[in-house]
Amino acid sequence: YIEHARMNYLLKLGLFDGHSFWDLPLIVADMHVRFIQPIEMTDEVVVGMGVTRIGNKSLLLECEITNADGTVVFATAENTMVAYDYRTKSAIPVSDELREIFGKFEGKSFKKED
């Protein structure tokens, strides 16, 4: 669920075209999932996801998986993503453009840290 939601999030923001992984501006660096309650085969789930923090070269995507009406939390997750150049295979600073894209979508400011 989480990986599918992450890719849909990037697609929705126009950061991934669904085809060229070489053009993705981010790479997964770390992921932690807290399983709270089992998801049964008949459960309808909703995956909420958003950027909550942006550092110099990384950002934090937080996720919550709930039932359809949000009254049951099945799992939560934290996903650290690093701004990455796949051609040079190196971490790069999070661009002002990415900060603006995430900020506009999330309705908050992600100014550069000193």
N, C-alpha and C. Protein backbone atom coordinates (compact mmCIF):
# COMPACT_ATOMS: atom_id res chain seq x y z
N TYR A 1 0.81 -1.19 0.00
CA TYR A 1 0.00 0.00 0.00
C TYR A 1 0.86 1.27 0.00
N ILE A 2 1.89 1.27 0.83
CA ILE A 2 2.71 2.47 1.00
C ILE A 2 3.49 2.80 -0.27
N GLU A 3 4.10 1.81 -0.89
CA GLU A 3 4.87 2.06 -2.10
C GLU A 3 3.96 2.54 -3.23
N HIS A 4 2.80 1.95 -3.35
CA HIS A 4 1.84 2.36 -4.36
C HIS A 4 1.42 3.82 -4.12
N ALA A 5 1.15 4.16 -2.88
CA ALA A 5 0.74 5.52 -2.54
C ALA A 5 1.88 6.51 -2.81
N ARG A 6 3.10 6.13 -2.51
CA ARG A 6 4.24 7.02 -2.74
C ARG A 6 4.38 7.32 -4.23
N MET A 7 4.28 6.31 -5.07
CA MET A 7 4.41 6.54 -6.50
C MET A 7 3.24 7.38 -7.03
N ASN A 8 2.03 7.13 -6.54
CA ASN A 8 0.88 7.95 -6.95
C ASN A 8 1.05 9.40 -6.49
N TYR A 9 1.61 9.60 -5.31
CA TYR A 9 1.87 10.95 -4.79
C TYR A 9 2.83 11.68 -5.72
N LEU A 10 3.92 11.02 -6.12
CA LEU A 10 4.89 11.64 -7.02
C LEU A 10 4.29 11.90 -8.41
N LEU A 11 3.45 10.98 -8.87
CA LEU A 11 2.76 11.19 -10.15
C LEU A 11 1.83 12.40 -10.08
N LYS A 12 1.07 12.50 -9.00
CA LYS A 12 0.11 13.59 -8.84
C LYS A 12 0.81 14.95 -8.81
N LEU A 13 2.02 14.98 -8.25
CA LEU A 13 2.77 16.22 -8.17
C LEU A 13 3.56 16.52 -9.46
N GLY A 14 3.51 15.59 -10.41
CA GLY A 14 4.24 15.77 -11.65
C GLY A 14 5.73 15.52 -11.53
N LEU A 15 6.15 14.81 -10.48
CA LEU A 15 7.56 14.53 -10.25
C LEU A 15 8.00 13.20 -10.85
N PHE A 16 7.06 12.44 -11.37
CA PHE A 16 7.35 11.15 -12.00
C PHE A 16 6.34 10.95 -13.11
N ASP A 17 6.82 10.48 -14.26
CA ASP A 17 5.92 10.28 -15.39
C ASP A 17 5.39 8.86 -15.48
N GLY A 18 5.77 8.01 -14.55
CA GLY A 18 5.32 6.63 -14.56
C GLY A 18 6.16 5.72 -15.41
N HIS A 19 7.19 6.26 -16.05
CA HIS A 19 8.01 5.47 -16.97
C HIS A 19 9.51 5.57 -16.68
N SER A 20 10.05 6.78 -16.62
CA SER A 20 11.49 6.98 -16.54
C SER A 20 11.98 7.18 -15.11
N PHE A 21 12.49 6.11 -14.54
CA PHE A 21 13.04 6.21 -13.19
C PHE A 21 14.29 7.07 -13.16
N TRP A 22 14.96 7.24 -14.29
CA TRP A 22 16.16 8.08 -14.36
C TRP A 22 15.84 9.54 -14.04
N ASP A 23 14.59 9.92 -14.24
CA ASP A 23 14.21 11.31 -14.02
C ASP A 23 13.57 11.57 -12.66
N LEU A 24 13.43 10.54 -11.86
CA LEU A 24 12.93 10.74 -10.50
C LEU A 24 13.90 11.63 -9.72
N PRO A 25 13.41 12.61 -8.99
CA PRO A 25 14.31 13.48 -8.25
C PRO A 25 14.66 12.97 -6.85
N LEU A 26 14.13 11.81 -6.46
CA LEU A 26 14.29 11.30 -5.10
C LEU A 26 14.57 9.80 -5.10
N ILE A 27 15.20 9.36 -4.01
CA ILE A 27 15.43 7.93 -3.81
C ILE A 27 15.10 7.61 -2.35
N VAL A 28 14.58 6.41 -2.09
CA VAL A 28 14.26 6.00 -0.72
C VAL A 28 15.56 5.73 0.03
N ALA A 29 15.71 6.37 1.18
CA ALA A 29 16.89 6.16 2.01
C ALA A 29 16.57 5.31 3.24
N ASP A 30 15.35 5.45 3.76
CA ASP A 30 15.00 4.74 4.99
C ASP A 30 13.48 4.69 5.10
N MET A 31 12.99 3.59 5.65
CA MET A 31 11.55 3.46 5.86
C MET A 31 11.28 2.71 7.16
N HIS A 32 10.36 3.24 7.93
CA HIS A 32 9.93 2.58 9.17
C HIS A 32 8.41 2.46 9.13
N VAL A 33 7.92 1.27 9.37
CA VAL A 33 6.48 1.03 9.38
C VAL A 33 6.09 0.48 10.75
N ARG A 34 5.04 1.05 11.32
CA ARG A 34 4.50 0.56 12.58
C ARG A 34 3.16 -0.09 12.27
N PHE A 35 3.11 -1.40 12.37
CA PHE A 35 1.87 -2.14 12.13
C PHE A 35 1.05 -2.13 13.41
N ILE A 36 -0.16 -1.63 13.33
CA ILE A 36 -1.00 -1.46 14.51
C ILE A 36 -2.08 -2.52 14.57
N GLN A 37 -2.70 -2.80 13.44
CA GLN A 37 -3.80 -3.75 13.39
C GLN A 37 -3.79 -4.43 12.02
N PRO A 38 -4.09 -5.72 11.98
CA PRO A 38 -4.08 -6.43 10.68
C PRO A 38 -5.13 -5.87 9.72
N ILE A 39 -4.78 -5.90 8.44
CA ILE A 39 -5.73 -5.56 7.38
C ILE A 39 -6.27 -6.88 6.84
N GLU A 40 -7.59 -7.02 6.91
CA GLU A 40 -8.22 -8.23 6.39
C GLU A 40 -8.47 -8.07 4.89
N MET A 41 -8.61 -9.18 4.19
CA MET A 41 -8.81 -9.15 2.75
C MET A 41 -10.03 -8.34 2.33
N THR A 42 -11.03 -8.27 3.17
CA THR A 42 -12.26 -7.54 2.83
C THR A 42 -12.23 -6.07 3.26
N ASP A 43 -11.18 -5.65 3.95
CA ASP A 43 -11.09 -4.26 4.41
C ASP A 43 -10.83 -3.31 3.25
N GLU A 44 -11.55 -2.20 3.22
CA GLU A 44 -11.24 -1.11 2.31
C GLU A 44 -10.28 -0.20 3.06
N VAL A 45 -9.19 0.15 2.41
CA VAL A 45 -8.20 1.00 3.08
C VAL A 45 -8.01 2.31 2.34
N VAL A 46 -7.59 3.31 3.10
CA VAL A 46 -7.23 4.62 2.57
C VAL A 46 -5.81 4.89 3.05
N VAL A 47 -4.96 5.32 2.12
CA VAL A 47 -3.58 5.63 2.47
C VAL A 47 -3.39 7.13 2.32
N GLY A 48 -3.15 7.79 3.45
CA GLY A 48 -2.86 9.23 3.44
C GLY A 48 -1.36 9.42 3.52
N MET A 49 -0.83 10.36 2.74
CA MET A 49 0.61 10.54 2.70
C MET A 49 0.92 12.00 2.42
N GLY A 50 2.00 12.48 3.04
CA GLY A 50 2.42 13.85 2.75
C GLY A 50 3.80 14.14 3.30
N VAL A 51 4.43 15.15 2.72
CA VAL A 51 5.74 15.60 3.18
C VAL A 51 5.52 16.46 4.42
N THR A 52 6.27 16.15 5.48
CA THR A 52 6.14 16.91 6.72
C THR A 52 7.39 17.71 7.07
N ARG A 53 8.53 17.37 6.45
CA ARG A 53 9.77 18.08 6.74
C ARG A 53 10.68 17.98 5.52
N ILE A 54 11.39 19.06 5.24
CA ILE A 54 12.41 19.04 4.20
C ILE A 54 13.69 19.61 4.77
N GLY A 55 14.77 18.83 4.68
CA GLY A 55 16.08 19.27 5.12
C GLY A 55 16.89 19.76 3.92
N ASN A 56 18.21 19.70 4.04
CA ASN A 56 19.08 20.17 2.96
C ASN A 56 19.11 19.19 1.78
N LYS A 57 19.21 17.89 2.08
CA LYS A 57 19.28 16.88 1.02
C LYS A 57 18.21 15.80 1.15
N SER A 58 17.35 15.91 2.15
CA SER A 58 16.35 14.87 2.36
C SER A 58 15.01 15.46 2.76
N LEU A 59 13.99 14.60 2.70
CA LEU A 59 12.67 15.00 3.15
C LEU A 59 12.00 13.81 3.82
N LEU A 60 11.00 14.10 4.63
CA LEU A 60 10.27 13.06 5.35
C LEU A 60 8.85 12.99 4.82
N LEU A 61 8.48 11.80 4.36
CA LEU A 61 7.11 11.50 3.94
C LEU A 61 6.47 10.70 5.06
N GLU A 62 5.36 11.18 5.59
CA GLU A 62 4.65 10.43 6.62
C GLU A 62 3.39 9.84 6.02
N CYS A 63 3.01 8.68 6.52
CA CYS A 63 1.91 7.93 5.92
C CYS A 63 1.05 7.32 7.02
N GLU A 64 -0.25 7.24 6.74
CA GLU A 64 -1.17 6.56 7.65
C GLU A 64 -2.14 5.74 6.81
N ILE A 65 -2.29 4.48 7.18
CA ILE A 65 -3.23 3.59 6.50
C ILE A 65 -4.41 3.37 7.45
N THR A 66 -5.61 3.72 6.97
CA THR A 66 -6.81 3.60 7.80
C THR A 66 -7.89 2.83 7.04
N ASN A 67 -8.98 2.56 7.75
CA ASN A 67 -10.15 2.03 7.06
C ASN A 67 -10.82 3.17 6.30
N ALA A 68 -11.85 2.87 5.54
CA ALA A 68 -12.46 3.84 4.64
C ALA A 68 -12.95 5.11 5.34
N ASP A 69 -13.47 4.99 6.56
CA ASP A 69 -13.98 6.19 7.24
C ASP A 69 -12.96 6.80 8.22
N GLY A 70 -11.75 6.24 8.25
CA GLY A 70 -10.69 6.81 9.07
C GLY A 70 -10.76 6.52 10.55
N THR A 71 -11.67 5.64 10.96
CA THR A 71 -11.83 5.36 12.39
C THR A 71 -10.87 4.30 12.91
N VAL A 72 -10.28 3.51 12.01
CA VAL A 72 -9.33 2.46 12.41
C VAL A 72 -8.00 2.73 11.71
N VAL A 73 -6.93 2.82 12.50
CA VAL A 73 -5.60 2.99 11.93
C VAL A 73 -4.94 1.62 11.88
N PHE A 74 -4.59 1.19 10.67
CA PHE A 74 -3.93 -0.10 10.49
C PHE A 74 -2.42 0.01 10.63
N ALA A 75 -1.84 1.10 10.12
CA ALA A 75 -0.39 1.27 10.17
C ALA A 75 -0.03 2.73 9.94
N THR A 76 1.15 3.09 10.43
CA THR A 76 1.73 4.39 10.13
C THR A 76 3.15 4.14 9.62
N ALA A 77 3.68 5.10 8.87
CA ALA A 77 5.01 4.92 8.32
C ALA A 77 5.72 6.25 8.18
N GLU A 78 7.04 6.19 8.26
CA GLU A 78 7.90 7.32 7.96
C GLU A 78 8.86 6.88 6.88
N ASN A 79 8.97 7.68 5.84
CA ASN A 79 9.79 7.34 4.69
C ASN A 79 10.74 8.51 4.44
N THR A 80 12.03 8.31 4.65
CA THR A 80 13.03 9.35 4.36
C THR A 80 13.46 9.20 2.91
N MET A 81 13.30 10.28 2.18
CA MET A 81 13.68 10.33 0.77
C MET A 81 14.86 11.30 0.64
N VAL A 82 15.81 10.96 -0.21
CA VAL A 82 16.97 11.82 -0.46
C VAL A 82 16.88 12.34 -1.89
N ALA A 83 17.14 13.63 -2.05
CA ALA A 83 17.22 14.21 -3.40
C ALA A 83 18.42 13.54 -4.07
N TYR A 84 18.21 13.04 -5.28
CA TYR A 84 19.21 12.15 -5.87
C TYR A 84 19.29 12.34 -7.38
N ASP A 85 20.52 12.28 -7.89
CA ASP A 85 20.77 12.30 -9.33
C ASP A 85 21.16 10.88 -9.73
N TYR A 86 20.25 10.19 -10.42
CA TYR A 86 20.47 8.79 -10.79
C TYR A 86 21.60 8.64 -11.81
N ARG A 87 21.86 9.67 -12.59
CA ARG A 87 22.92 9.58 -13.60
C ARG A 87 24.31 9.63 -12.97
N THR A 88 24.47 10.50 -11.94
CA THR A 88 25.77 10.60 -11.27
C THR A 88 25.85 9.73 -10.03
N LYS A 89 24.69 9.13 -9.67
CA LYS A 89 24.60 8.28 -8.48
C LYS A 89 25.05 9.03 -7.21
N SER A 90 24.50 10.22 -7.04
CA SER A 90 24.89 11.02 -5.89
C SER A 90 23.72 11.81 -5.32
N ALA A 91 23.77 12.02 -4.00
CA ALA A 91 22.78 12.85 -3.32
C ALA A 91 23.05 14.30 -3.72
N ILE A 92 21.97 15.06 -3.84
CA ILE A 92 22.07 16.47 -4.21
C ILE A 92 21.18 17.28 -3.27
N PRO A 93 21.40 18.59 -3.18
CA PRO A 93 20.52 19.41 -2.35
C PRO A 93 19.08 19.39 -2.89
N VAL A 94 18.11 19.48 -1.99
CA VAL A 94 16.71 19.59 -2.40
C VAL A 94 16.56 20.96 -3.05
N SER A 95 16.10 20.96 -4.29
CA SER A 95 16.01 22.21 -5.05
C SER A 95 14.89 23.10 -4.53
N ASP A 96 15.02 24.39 -4.84
CA ASP A 96 13.95 25.34 -4.50
C ASP A 96 12.67 24.95 -5.21
N GLU A 97 12.79 24.43 -6.44
CA GLU A 97 11.61 24.00 -7.21
C GLU A 97 10.86 22.88 -6.49
N LEU A 98 11.60 21.88 -5.98
CA LEU A 98 10.95 20.79 -5.23
C LEU A 98 10.29 21.33 -3.97
N ARG A 99 10.99 22.20 -3.25
CA ARG A 99 10.41 22.80 -2.04
C ARG A 99 9.09 23.50 -2.35
N GLU A 100 9.08 24.22 -3.47
CA GLU A 100 7.88 24.94 -3.86
C GLU A 100 6.75 23.99 -4.24
N ILE A 101 7.07 22.93 -4.98
CA ILE A 101 6.06 21.94 -5.39
C ILE A 101 5.43 21.28 -4.16
N PHE A 102 6.28 20.80 -3.24
CA PHE A 102 5.75 20.16 -2.04
C PHE A 102 5.00 21.16 -1.16
N GLY A 103 5.55 22.36 -1.02
CA GLY A 103 4.91 23.38 -0.19
C GLY A 103 3.54 23.77 -0.69
N LYS A 104 3.42 23.95 -2.00
CA LYS A 104 2.13 24.32 -2.58
C LYS A 104 1.11 23.20 -2.37
N PHE A 105 1.53 21.97 -2.60
CA PHE A 105 0.62 20.83 -2.45
C PHE A 105 0.19 20.62 -1.00
N GLU A 106 1.15 20.75 -0.08
CA GLU A 106 0.88 20.50 1.35
C GLU A 106 0.33 21.72 2.07
N GLY A 107 0.39 22.90 1.42
CA GLY A 107 -0.13 24.10 2.05
C GLY A 107 0.74 24.62 3.18
N LYS A 108 2.06 24.45 3.03
CA LYS A 108 2.99 24.96 4.05
C LYS A 108 4.29 25.37 3.39
N SER A 109 5.10 26.07 4.13
CA SER A 109 6.39 26.54 3.62
C SER A 109 7.51 25.59 4.02
N PHE A 110 8.36 25.25 3.07
CA PHE A 110 9.52 24.40 3.36
C PHE A 110 10.78 25.17 2.99
N LYS A 111 11.09 26.19 3.78
CA LYS A 111 12.27 27.01 3.52
C LYS A 111 13.54 26.23 3.84
N LYS A 112 14.63 26.63 3.20
CA LYS A 112 15.93 25.97 3.42
C LYS A 112 16.37 26.16 4.86
N GLU A 113 16.98 25.09 5.39
CA GLU A 113 17.54 25.16 6.74
C GLU A 113 18.92 25.81 6.65
N ASP A 114 19.29 26.55 7.68
CA ASP A 114 20.63 27.16 7.70
C ASP A 114 21.68 26.16 8.10
